[in-house]
Amino acid sequence: MPAQPKTTLEQLLHHLGFAQVTIEEHHLEEGLLLDVKSDDAGRLIGRQGQTLSELQYILNRLLFHQDPAAPKVMPVPRPRNNARFGDRCSNNGMCA
């Protein structure tokens, strides 16, 4: 059964109480980038990006369990120039 990263992340976020999220998929050479937009970005990112980093780890584990050939979900490589999220990027470069 092929893994469905976007659907899996949507379900995971729904179970965590994030009702209003938008997810865009971007296919990169290194893997898959899922761009998550939420009104509750601070809670999604967590203190120093910990929640976002752990969410990425759990998502990759779930996807690998579904399909060992699934692409790896990558962190966002750079902060955005968006006033809403500009200061809400973790130390490891991931943003929500």
PDB file of N, CA and C in Angstrom:
ATOM      1  N   MET A   1       0.847  -1.193   0.000  1.00  0.00           N
ATOM      2  CA  MET A   1       0.000   0.000   0.000  1.00  0.00           C
ATOM      3  C   MET A   1       0.884   1.245   0.000  1.00  0.00           C
ATOM      4  N   PRO A   2       0.779   2.082  -1.020  1.00  0.00           N
ATOM      5  CA  PRO A   2       1.627   3.281  -1.055  1.00  0.00           C
ATOM      6  C   PRO A   2       1.235   4.275   0.037  1.00  0.00           C
ATOM      7  N   ALA A   3       2.235   4.906   0.584  1.00  0.00           N
ATOM      8  CA  ALA A   3       2.012   5.896   1.638  1.00  0.00           C
ATOM      9  C   ALA A   3       1.419   7.164   1.042  1.00  0.00           C
ATOM     10  N   GLN A   4       0.577   7.830   1.809  1.00  0.00           N
ATOM     11  CA  GLN A   4      -0.024   9.087   1.394  1.00  0.00           C
ATOM     12  C   GLN A   4       0.350  10.143   2.438  1.00  0.00           C
ATOM     13  N   PRO A   5       1.502  10.797   2.264  1.00  0.00           N
ATOM     14  CA  PRO A   5       2.019  11.716   3.280  1.00  0.00           C
ATOM     15  C   PRO A   5       1.064  12.844   3.660  1.00  0.00           C
ATOM     16  N   LYS A   6       0.465  13.494   2.684  1.00  0.00           N
ATOM     17  CA  LYS A   6      -0.411  14.628   2.970  1.00  0.00           C
ATOM     18  C   LYS A   6      -1.628  14.181   3.782  1.00  0.00           C
ATOM     19  N   THR A   7      -2.265  13.093   3.371  1.00  0.00           N
ATOM     20  CA  THR A   7      -3.438  12.572   4.064  1.00  0.00           C
ATOM     21  C   THR A   7      -3.079  12.117   5.475  1.00  0.00           C
ATOM     22  N   THR A   8      -1.950  11.447   5.619  1.00  0.00           N
ATOM     23  CA  THR A   8      -1.506  10.972   6.929  1.00  0.00           C
ATOM     24  C   THR A   8      -1.257  12.145   7.870  1.00  0.00           C
ATOM     25  N   LEU A   9      -0.602  13.202   7.374  1.00  0.00           N
ATOM     26  CA  LEU A   9      -0.345  14.375   8.204  1.00  0.00           C
ATOM     27  C   LEU A   9      -1.642  15.084   8.567  1.00  0.00           C
ATOM     28  N   GLU A  10      -2.570  15.207   7.619  1.00  0.00           N
ATOM     29  CA  GLU A  10      -3.865  15.835   7.913  1.00  0.00           C
ATOM     30  C   GLU A  10      -4.587  15.094   9.027  1.00  0.00           C
ATOM     31  N   GLN A  11      -4.601  13.763   8.960  1.00  0.00           N
ATOM     32  CA  GLN A  11      -5.264  12.960   9.987  1.00  0.00           C
ATOM     33  C   GLN A  11      -4.563  13.104  11.331  1.00  0.00           C
ATOM     34  N   LEU A  12      -3.254  13.088  11.331  1.00  0.00           N
ATOM     35  CA  LEU A  12      -2.479  13.225  12.557  1.00  0.00           C
ATOM     36  C   LEU A  12      -2.742  14.579  13.213  1.00  0.00           C
ATOM     37  N   LEU A  13      -2.729  15.640  12.432  1.00  0.00           N
ATOM     38  CA  LEU A  13      -2.986  16.975  12.965  1.00  0.00           C
ATOM     39  C   LEU A  13      -4.420  17.104  13.476  1.00  0.00           C
ATOM     40  N   HIS A  14      -5.353  16.472  12.787  1.00  0.00           N
ATOM     41  CA  HIS A  14      -6.753  16.492  13.231  1.00  0.00           C
ATOM     42  C   HIS A  14      -6.886  15.823  14.605  1.00  0.00           C
ATOM     43  N   HIS A  15      -6.222  14.686  14.781  1.00  0.00           N
ATOM     44  CA  HIS A  15      -6.254  13.985  16.066  1.00  0.00           C
ATOM     45  C   HIS A  15      -5.575  14.792  17.174  1.00  0.00           C
ATOM     46  N   LEU A  16      -4.649  15.657  16.807  1.00  0.00           N
ATOM     47  CA  LEU A  16      -3.961  16.503  17.794  1.00  0.00           C
ATOM     48  C   LEU A  16      -4.728  17.790  18.084  1.00  0.00           C
ATOM     49  N   GLY A  17      -5.864  17.998  17.423  1.00  0.00           N
ATOM     50  CA  GLY A  17      -6.706  19.147  17.709  1.00  0.00           C
ATOM     51  C   GLY A  17      -6.497  20.348  16.806  1.00  0.00           C
ATOM     52  N   PHE A  18      -5.803  20.182  15.695  1.00  0.00           N
ATOM     53  CA  PHE A  18      -5.622  21.270  14.732  1.00  0.00           C
ATOM     54  C   PHE A  18      -6.730  21.157  13.687  1.00  0.00           C
ATOM     55  N   ALA A  19      -7.783  21.953  13.880  1.00  0.00           N
ATOM     56  CA  ALA A  19      -8.956  21.848  13.009  1.00  0.00           C
ATOM     57  C   ALA A  19      -8.739  22.541  11.663  1.00  0.00           C
ATOM     58  N   GLN A  20      -8.124  23.700  11.661  1.00  0.00           N
ATOM     59  CA  GLN A  20      -7.952  24.494  10.450  1.00  0.00           C
ATOM     60  C   GLN A  20      -6.493  24.473   9.997  1.00  0.00           C
ATOM     61  N   VAL A  21      -6.146  23.536   9.125  1.00  0.00           N
ATOM     62  CA  VAL A  21      -4.797  23.492   8.556  1.00  0.00           C
ATOM     63  C   VAL A  21      -4.900  23.350   7.043  1.00  0.00           C
ATOM     64  N   THR A  22      -3.923  23.915   6.364  1.00  0.00           N
ATOM     65  CA  THR A  22      -3.784  23.764   4.923  1.00  0.00           C
ATOM     66  C   THR A  22      -2.413  23.171   4.673  1.00  0.00           C
ATOM     67  N   ILE A  23      -2.345  22.130   3.867  1.00  0.00           N
ATOM     68  CA  ILE A  23      -1.074  21.451   3.597  1.00  0.00           C
ATOM     69  C   ILE A  23      -0.846  21.427   2.095  1.00  0.00           C
ATOM     70  N   GLU A  24       0.332  21.892   1.690  1.00  0.00           N
ATOM     71  CA  GLU A  24       0.743  21.852   0.285  1.00  0.00           C
ATOM     72  C   GLU A  24       1.935  20.918   0.154  1.00  0.00           C
ATOM     73  N   GLU A  25       1.929  20.089  -0.886  1.00  0.00           N
ATOM     74  CA  GLU A  25       3.041  19.166  -1.143  1.00  0.00           C
ATOM     75  C   GLU A  25       3.998  19.771  -2.154  1.00  0.00           C
ATOM     76  N   HIS A  26       5.293  19.650  -1.872  1.00  0.00           N
ATOM     77  CA  HIS A  26       6.342  20.077  -2.799  1.00  0.00           C
ATOM     78  C   HIS A  26       7.343  18.930  -2.908  1.00  0.00           C
ATOM     79  N   HIS A  27       7.492  18.380  -4.104  1.00  0.00           N
ATOM     80  CA  HIS A  27       8.421  17.273  -4.317  1.00  0.00           C
ATOM     81  C   HIS A  27       9.804  17.829  -4.621  1.00  0.00           C
ATOM     82  N   LEU A  28      10.792  17.416  -3.830  1.00  0.00           N
ATOM     83  CA  LEU A  28      12.174  17.852  -3.981  1.00  0.00           C
ATOM     84  C   LEU A  28      13.057  16.644  -4.265  1.00  0.00           C
ATOM     85  N   GLU A  29      14.275  16.881  -4.707  1.00  0.00           N
ATOM     86  CA  GLU A  29      15.208  15.782  -4.933  1.00  0.00           C
ATOM     87  C   GLU A  29      15.510  15.034  -3.642  1.00  0.00           C
ATOM     88  N   GLU A  30      15.600  15.760  -2.513  1.00  0.00           N
ATOM     89  CA  GLU A  30      15.960  15.168  -1.233  1.00  0.00           C
ATOM     90  C   GLU A  30      14.795  14.440  -0.574  1.00  0.00           C
ATOM     91  N   GLY A  31      13.582  14.723  -1.004  1.00  0.00           N
ATOM     92  CA  GLY A  31      12.403  14.116  -0.393  1.00  0.00           C
ATOM     93  C   GLY A  31      11.179  14.962  -0.651  1.00  0.00           C
ATOM     94  N   LEU A  32      10.246  14.897   0.264  1.00  0.00           N
ATOM     95  CA  LEU A  32       8.977  15.588   0.131  1.00  0.00           C
ATOM     96  C   LEU A  32       8.882  16.681   1.180  1.00  0.00           C
ATOM     97  N   LEU A  33       8.456  17.864   0.764  1.00  0.00           N
ATOM     98  CA  LEU A  33       8.254  18.968   1.690  1.00  0.00           C
ATOM     99  C   LEU A  33       6.753  19.198   1.822  1.00  0.00           C
ATOM    100  N   LEU A  34       6.248  19.139   3.055  1.00  0.00           N
ATOM    101  CA  LEU A  34       4.836  19.420   3.313  1.00  0.00           C
ATOM    102  C   LEU A  34       4.770  20.770   4.001  1.00  0.00           C
ATOM    103  N   ASP A  35       4.208  21.737   3.319  1.00  0.00           N
ATOM    104  CA  ASP A  35       4.099  23.110   3.824  1.00  0.00           C
ATOM    105  C   ASP A  35       2.776  23.224   4.567  1.00  0.00           C
ATOM    106  N   VAL A  36       2.841  23.365   5.895  1.00  0.00           N
ATOM    107  CA  VAL A  36       1.647  23.401   6.735  1.00  0.00           C
ATOM    108  C   VAL A  36       1.355  24.837   7.141  1.00  0.00           C
ATOM    109  N   LYS A  37       0.133  25.261   6.895  1.00  0.00           N
ATOM    110  CA  LYS A  37      -0.309  26.586   7.326  1.00  0.00           C
ATOM    111  C   LYS A  37      -1.424  26.390   8.342  1.00  0.00           C
ATOM    112  N   SER A  38      -1.293  27.082   9.485  1.00  0.00           N
ATOM    113  CA  SER A  38      -2.263  26.945  10.563  1.00  0.00           C
ATOM    114  C   SER A  38      -2.398  28.267  11.291  1.00  0.00           C
ATOM    115  N   ASP A  39      -3.595  28.533  11.808  1.00  0.00           N
ATOM    116  CA  ASP A  39      -3.796  29.725  12.629  1.00  0.00           C
ATOM    117  C   ASP A  39      -3.123  29.574  13.989  1.00  0.00           C
ATOM    118  N   ASP A  40      -2.794  28.350  14.362  1.00  0.00           N
ATOM    119  CA  ASP A  40      -2.177  28.065  15.655  1.00  0.00           C
ATOM    120  C   ASP A  40      -0.730  27.605  15.454  1.00  0.00           C
ATOM    121  N   ALA A  41       0.043  28.381  14.699  1.00  0.00           N
ATOM    122  CA  ALA A  41       1.402  27.995  14.337  1.00  0.00           C
ATOM    123  C   ALA A  41       2.313  27.845  15.552  1.00  0.00           C
ATOM    124  N   GLY A  42       2.128  28.686  16.557  1.00  0.00           N
ATOM    125  CA  GLY A  42       2.969  28.601  17.754  1.00  0.00           C
ATOM    126  C   GLY A  42       2.858  27.250  18.437  1.00  0.00           C
ATOM    127  N   ARG A  43       1.646  26.737  18.543  1.00  0.00           N
ATOM    128  CA  ARG A  43       1.445  25.426  19.170  1.00  0.00           C
ATOM    129  C   ARG A  43       1.982  24.314  18.275  1.00  0.00           C
ATOM    130  N   LEU A  44       1.856  24.484  16.968  1.00  0.00           N
ATOM    131  CA  LEU A  44       2.354  23.486  16.030  1.00  0.00           C
ATOM    132  C   LEU A  44       3.884  23.411  16.067  1.00  0.00           C
ATOM    133  N   ILE A  45       4.539  24.553  16.144  1.00  0.00           N
ATOM    134  CA  ILE A  45       6.003  24.583  16.175  1.00  0.00           C
ATOM    135  C   ILE A  45       6.527  24.125  17.525  1.00  0.00           C
ATOM    136  N   GLY A  46       5.934  24.628  18.599  1.00  0.00           N
ATOM    137  CA  GLY A  46       6.391  24.255  19.935  1.00  0.00           C
ATOM    138  C   GLY A  46       7.611  25.047  20.352  1.00  0.00           C
ATOM    139  N   ARG A  47       8.041  24.812  21.573  1.00  0.00           N
ATOM    140  CA  ARG A  47       9.213  25.506  22.117  1.00  0.00           C
ATOM    141  C   ARG A  47      10.465  25.080  21.362  1.00  0.00           C
ATOM    142  N   GLN A  48      11.142  26.030  20.769  1.00  0.00           N
ATOM    143  CA  GLN A  48      12.383  25.833  19.994  1.00  0.00           C
ATOM    144  C   GLN A  48      12.219  24.788  18.887  1.00  0.00           C
ATOM    145  N   GLY A  49      11.007  24.690  18.341  1.00  0.00           N
ATOM    146  CA  GLY A  49      10.762  23.791  17.216  1.00  0.00           C
ATOM    147  C   GLY A  49      10.638  22.332  17.589  1.00  0.00           C
ATOM    148  N   GLN A  50      10.563  22.036  18.883  1.00  0.00           N
ATOM    149  CA  GLN A  50      10.533  20.656  19.327  1.00  0.00           C
ATOM    150  C   GLN A  50       9.312  19.900  18.827  1.00  0.00           C
ATOM    151  N   THR A  51       8.142  20.506  18.926  1.00  0.00           N
ATOM    152  CA  THR A  51       6.914  19.823  18.513  1.00  0.00           C
ATOM    153  C   THR A  51       6.939  19.527  17.018  1.00  0.00           C
ATOM    154  N   LEU A  52       7.360  20.494  16.229  1.00  0.00           N
ATOM    155  CA  LEU A  52       7.427  20.311  14.779  1.00  0.00           C
ATOM    156  C   LEU A  52       8.432  19.222  14.411  1.00  0.00           C
ATOM    157  N   SER A  53       9.565  19.217  15.076  1.00  0.00           N
ATOM    158  CA  SER A  53      10.591  18.212  14.823  1.00  0.00           C
ATOM    159  C   SER A  53      10.090  16.814  15.180  1.00  0.00           C
ATOM    160  N   GLU A  54       9.404  16.694  16.315  1.00  0.00           N
ATOM    161  CA  GLU A  54       8.873  15.392  16.726  1.00  0.00           C
ATOM    162  C   GLU A  54       7.748  14.945  15.812  1.00  0.00           C
ATOM    163  N   LEU A  55       6.939  15.875  15.350  1.00  0.00           N
ATOM    164  CA  LEU A  55       5.866  15.559  14.410  1.00  0.00           C
ATOM    165  C   LEU A  55       6.446  15.035  13.094  1.00  0.00           C
ATOM    166  N   GLN A  56       7.529  15.644  12.637  1.00  0.00           N
ATOM    167  CA  GLN A  56       8.196  15.189  11.419  1.00  0.00           C
ATOM    168  C   GLN A  56       8.720  13.762  11.607  1.00  0.00           C
ATOM    169  N   TYR A  57       9.312  13.487  12.770  1.00  0.00           N
ATOM    170  CA  TYR A  57       9.843  12.152  13.050  1.00  0.00           C
ATOM    171  C   TYR A  57       8.718  11.113  13.041  1.00  0.00           C
ATOM    172  N   ILE A  58       7.620  11.415  13.748  1.00  0.00           N
ATOM    173  CA  ILE A  58       6.491  10.481  13.820  1.00  0.00           C
ATOM    174  C   ILE A  58       5.893  10.250  12.439  1.00  0.00           C
ATOM    175  N   LEU A  59       5.736  11.318  11.669  1.00  0.00           N
ATOM    176  CA  LEU A  59       5.181  11.194  10.322  1.00  0.00           C
ATOM    177  C   LEU A  59       6.059  10.298   9.449  1.00  0.00           C
ATOM    178  N   ASN A  60       7.368  10.505   9.488  1.00  0.00           N
ATOM    179  CA  ASN A  60       8.277   9.667   8.696  1.00  0.00           C
ATOM    180  C   ASN A  60       8.212   8.205   9.124  1.00  0.00           C
ATOM    181  N   ARG A  61       8.084   7.947  10.423  1.00  0.00           N
ATOM    182  CA  ARG A  61       7.973   6.569  10.921  1.00  0.00           C
ATOM    183  C   ARG A  61       6.669   5.921  10.431  1.00  0.00           C
ATOM    184  N   LEU A  62       5.558   6.675  10.503  1.00  0.00           N
ATOM    185  CA  LEU A  62       4.280   6.151  10.021  1.00  0.00           C
ATOM    186  C   LEU A  62       4.326   5.854   8.527  1.00  0.00           C
ATOM    187  N   LEU A  63       4.903   6.765   7.763  1.00  0.00           N
ATOM    188  CA  LEU A  63       4.979   6.577   6.310  1.00  0.00           C
ATOM    189  C   LEU A  63       5.865   5.395   5.952  1.00  0.00           C
ATOM    190  N   PHE A  64       6.993   5.239   6.649  1.00  0.00           N
ATOM    191  CA  PHE A  64       7.891   4.116   6.382  1.00  0.00           C
ATOM    192  C   PHE A  64       7.202   2.791   6.724  1.00  0.00           C
ATOM    193  N   HIS A  65       6.392   2.802   7.788  1.00  0.00           N
ATOM    194  CA  HIS A  65       5.657   1.594   8.176  1.00  0.00           C
ATOM    195  C   HIS A  65       4.638   1.223   7.096  1.00  0.00           C
ATOM    196  N   GLN A  66       3.996   2.227   6.480  1.00  0.00           N
ATOM    197  CA  GLN A  66       3.029   1.984   5.413  1.00  0.00           C
ATOM    198  C   GLN A  66       3.711   1.526   4.131  1.00  0.00           C
ATOM    199  N   ASP A  67       4.868   2.130   3.842  1.00  0.00           N
ATOM    200  CA  ASP A  67       5.571   1.858   2.585  1.00  0.00           C
ATOM    201  C   ASP A  67       7.054   2.169   2.764  1.00  0.00           C
ATOM    202  N   PRO A  68       7.902   1.142   2.844  1.00  0.00           N
ATOM    203  CA  PRO A  68       9.335   1.382   3.036  1.00  0.00           C
ATOM    204  C   PRO A  68       9.981   2.232   1.935  1.00  0.00           C
ATOM    205  N   ALA A  69       9.334   2.334   0.776  1.00  0.00           N
ATOM    206  CA  ALA A  69       9.875   3.143  -0.324  1.00  0.00           C
ATOM    207  C   ALA A  69       9.313   4.565  -0.326  1.00  0.00           C
ATOM    208  N   ALA A  70       8.549   4.933   0.698  1.00  0.00           N
ATOM    209  CA  ALA A  70       7.943   6.269   0.761  1.00  0.00           C
ATOM    210  C   ALA A  70       9.028   7.343   0.830  1.00  0.00           C
ATOM    211  N   PRO A  71       8.792   8.495   0.191  1.00  0.00           N
ATOM    212  CA  PRO A  71       9.782   9.574   0.269  1.00  0.00           C
ATOM    213  C   PRO A  71       9.846  10.141   1.685  1.00  0.00           C
ATOM    214  N   LYS A  72      11.028  10.573   2.085  1.00  0.00           N
ATOM    215  CA  LYS A  72      11.213  11.163   3.403  1.00  0.00           C
ATOM    216  C   LYS A  72      10.658  12.586   3.406  1.00  0.00           C
ATOM    217  N   VAL A  73       9.898  12.923   4.451  1.00  0.00           N
ATOM    218  CA  VAL A  73       9.368  14.274   4.592  1.00  0.00           C
ATOM    219  C   VAL A  73      10.475  15.137   5.179  1.00  0.00           C
ATOM    220  N   MET A  74      10.802  16.230   4.471  1.00  0.00           N
ATOM    221  CA  MET A  74      11.921  17.093   4.837  1.00  0.00           C
ATOM    222  C   MET A  74      11.444  18.303   5.632  1.00  0.00           C
ATOM    223  N   PRO A  75      12.330  18.863   6.472  1.00  0.00           N
ATOM    224  CA  PRO A  75      11.992  20.128   7.144  1.00  0.00           C
ATOM    225  C   PRO A  75      12.042  21.278   6.150  1.00  0.00           C
ATOM    226  N   VAL A  76      11.344  22.351   6.473  1.00  0.00           N
ATOM    227  CA  VAL A  76      11.415  23.555   5.648  1.00  0.00           C
ATOM    228  C   VAL A  76      12.836  24.103   5.769  1.00  0.00           C
ATOM    229  N   PRO A  77      13.558  24.304   4.669  1.00  0.00           N
ATOM    230  CA  PRO A  77      14.970  24.660   4.739  1.00  0.00           C
ATOM    231  C   PRO A  77      15.273  26.114   5.101  1.00  0.00           C
ATOM    232  N   ARG A  78      14.283  27.002   5.066  1.00  0.00           N
ATOM    233  CA  ARG A  78      14.575  28.418   5.313  1.00  0.00           C
ATOM    234  C   ARG A  78      13.371  29.094   5.945  1.00  0.00           C
ATOM    235  N   PRO A  79      13.606  30.145   6.710  1.00  0.00           N
ATOM    236  CA  PRO A  79      12.477  30.909   7.242  1.00  0.00           C
ATOM    237  C   PRO A  79      11.742  31.608   6.112  1.00  0.00           C
ATOM    238  N   ARG A  80      10.475  31.825   6.299  1.00  0.00           N
ATOM    239  CA  ARG A  80       9.666  32.522   5.304  1.00  0.00           C
ATOM    240  C   ARG A  80       9.718  34.019   5.537  1.00  0.00           C
ATOM    241  N   ASN A  81       9.430  34.773   4.502  1.00  0.00           N
ATOM    242  CA  ASN A  81       9.304  36.228   4.609  1.00  0.00           C
ATOM    243  C   ASN A  81       7.835  36.581   4.779  1.00  0.00           C
ATOM    244  N   ASN A  82       7.214  35.971   5.738  1.00  0.00           N
ATOM    245  CA  ASN A  82       5.788  36.164   5.992  1.00  0.00           C
ATOM    246  C   ASN A  82       5.657  36.756   7.385  1.00  0.00           C
ATOM    247  N   ALA A  83       5.035  37.902   7.512  1.00  0.00           N
ATOM    248  CA  ALA A  83       4.941  38.578   8.802  1.00  0.00           C
ATOM    249  C   ALA A  83       4.239  37.708   9.831  1.00  0.00           C
ATOM    250  N   ARG A  84       3.292  36.885   9.392  1.00  0.00           N
ATOM    251  CA  ARG A  84       2.563  36.040  10.327  1.00  0.00           C
ATOM    252  C   ARG A  84       3.446  34.976  10.952  1.00  0.00           C
ATOM    253  N   PHE A  85       4.391  34.442  10.186  1.00  0.00           N
ATOM    254  CA  PHE A  85       5.211  33.350  10.671  1.00  0.00           C
ATOM    255  C   PHE A  85       6.693  33.693  10.724  1.00  0.00           C
ATOM    256  N   GLY A  86       7.056  34.912  10.380  1.00  0.00           N
ATOM    257  CA  GLY A  86       8.466  35.275  10.268  1.00  0.00           C
ATOM    258  C   GLY A  86       9.300  34.972  11.493  1.00  0.00           C
ATOM    259  N   ASP A  87       8.772  35.206  12.690  1.00  0.00           N
ATOM    260  CA  ASP A  87       9.522  34.961  13.907  1.00  0.00           C
ATOM    261  C   ASP A  87       9.193  33.615  14.526  1.00  0.00           C
ATOM    262  N   ARG A  88       8.488  32.773  13.809  1.00  0.00           N
ATOM    263  CA  ARG A  88       8.042  31.513  14.377  1.00  0.00           C
ATOM    264  C   ARG A  88       8.762  30.338  13.736  1.00  0.00           C
ATOM    265  N   CYS A  89      10.044  30.454  13.546  1.00  0.00           N
ATOM    266  CA  CYS A  89      10.827  29.360  12.985  1.00  0.00           C
ATOM    267  C   CYS A  89      11.739  28.808  14.071  1.00  0.00           C
ATOM    268  N   SER A  90      11.922  27.509  14.049  1.00  0.00           N
ATOM    269  CA  SER A  90      12.756  26.885  15.065  1.00  0.00           C
ATOM    270  C   SER A  90      14.225  27.096  14.757  1.00  0.00           C
ATOM    271  N   ASN A  91      15.081  26.739  15.706  1.00  0.00           N
ATOM    272  CA  ASN A  91      16.526  26.879  15.546  1.00  0.00           C
ATOM    273  C   ASN A  91      17.075  25.978  14.460  1.00  0.00           C
ATOM    274  N   ASN A  92      16.382  24.863  14.154  1.00  0.00           N
ATOM    275  CA  ASN A  92      16.896  23.948  13.141  1.00  0.00           C
ATOM    276  C   ASN A  92      16.377  24.259  11.743  1.00  0.00           C
ATOM    277  N   GLY A  93      15.729  25.425  11.569  1.00  0.00           N
ATOM    278  CA  GLY A  93      15.337  25.867  10.238  1.00  0.00           C
ATOM    279  C   GLY A  93      13.945  25.456   9.804  1.00  0.00           C
ATOM    280  N   MET A  94      13.207  24.762  10.661  1.00  0.00           N
ATOM    281  CA  MET A  94      11.864  24.348  10.270  1.00  0.00           C
ATOM    282  C   MET A  94      10.861  25.426  10.648  1.00  0.00           C
ATOM    283  N   CYS A  95       9.887  25.642   9.798  1.00  0.00           N
ATOM    284  CA  CYS A  95       8.828  26.615  10.041  1.00  0.00           C
ATOM    285  C   CYS A  95       7.484  25.946   9.842  1.00  0.00           C
ATOM    286  N   ALA A  96       6.481  26.504  10.465  1.00  0.00           N
ATOM    287  CA  ALA A  96       5.133  25.973  10.246  1.00  0.00           C
ATOM    288  C   ALA A  96       4.249  27.084   9.749  1.00  0.00           C
TER     289      ALA A  96
END
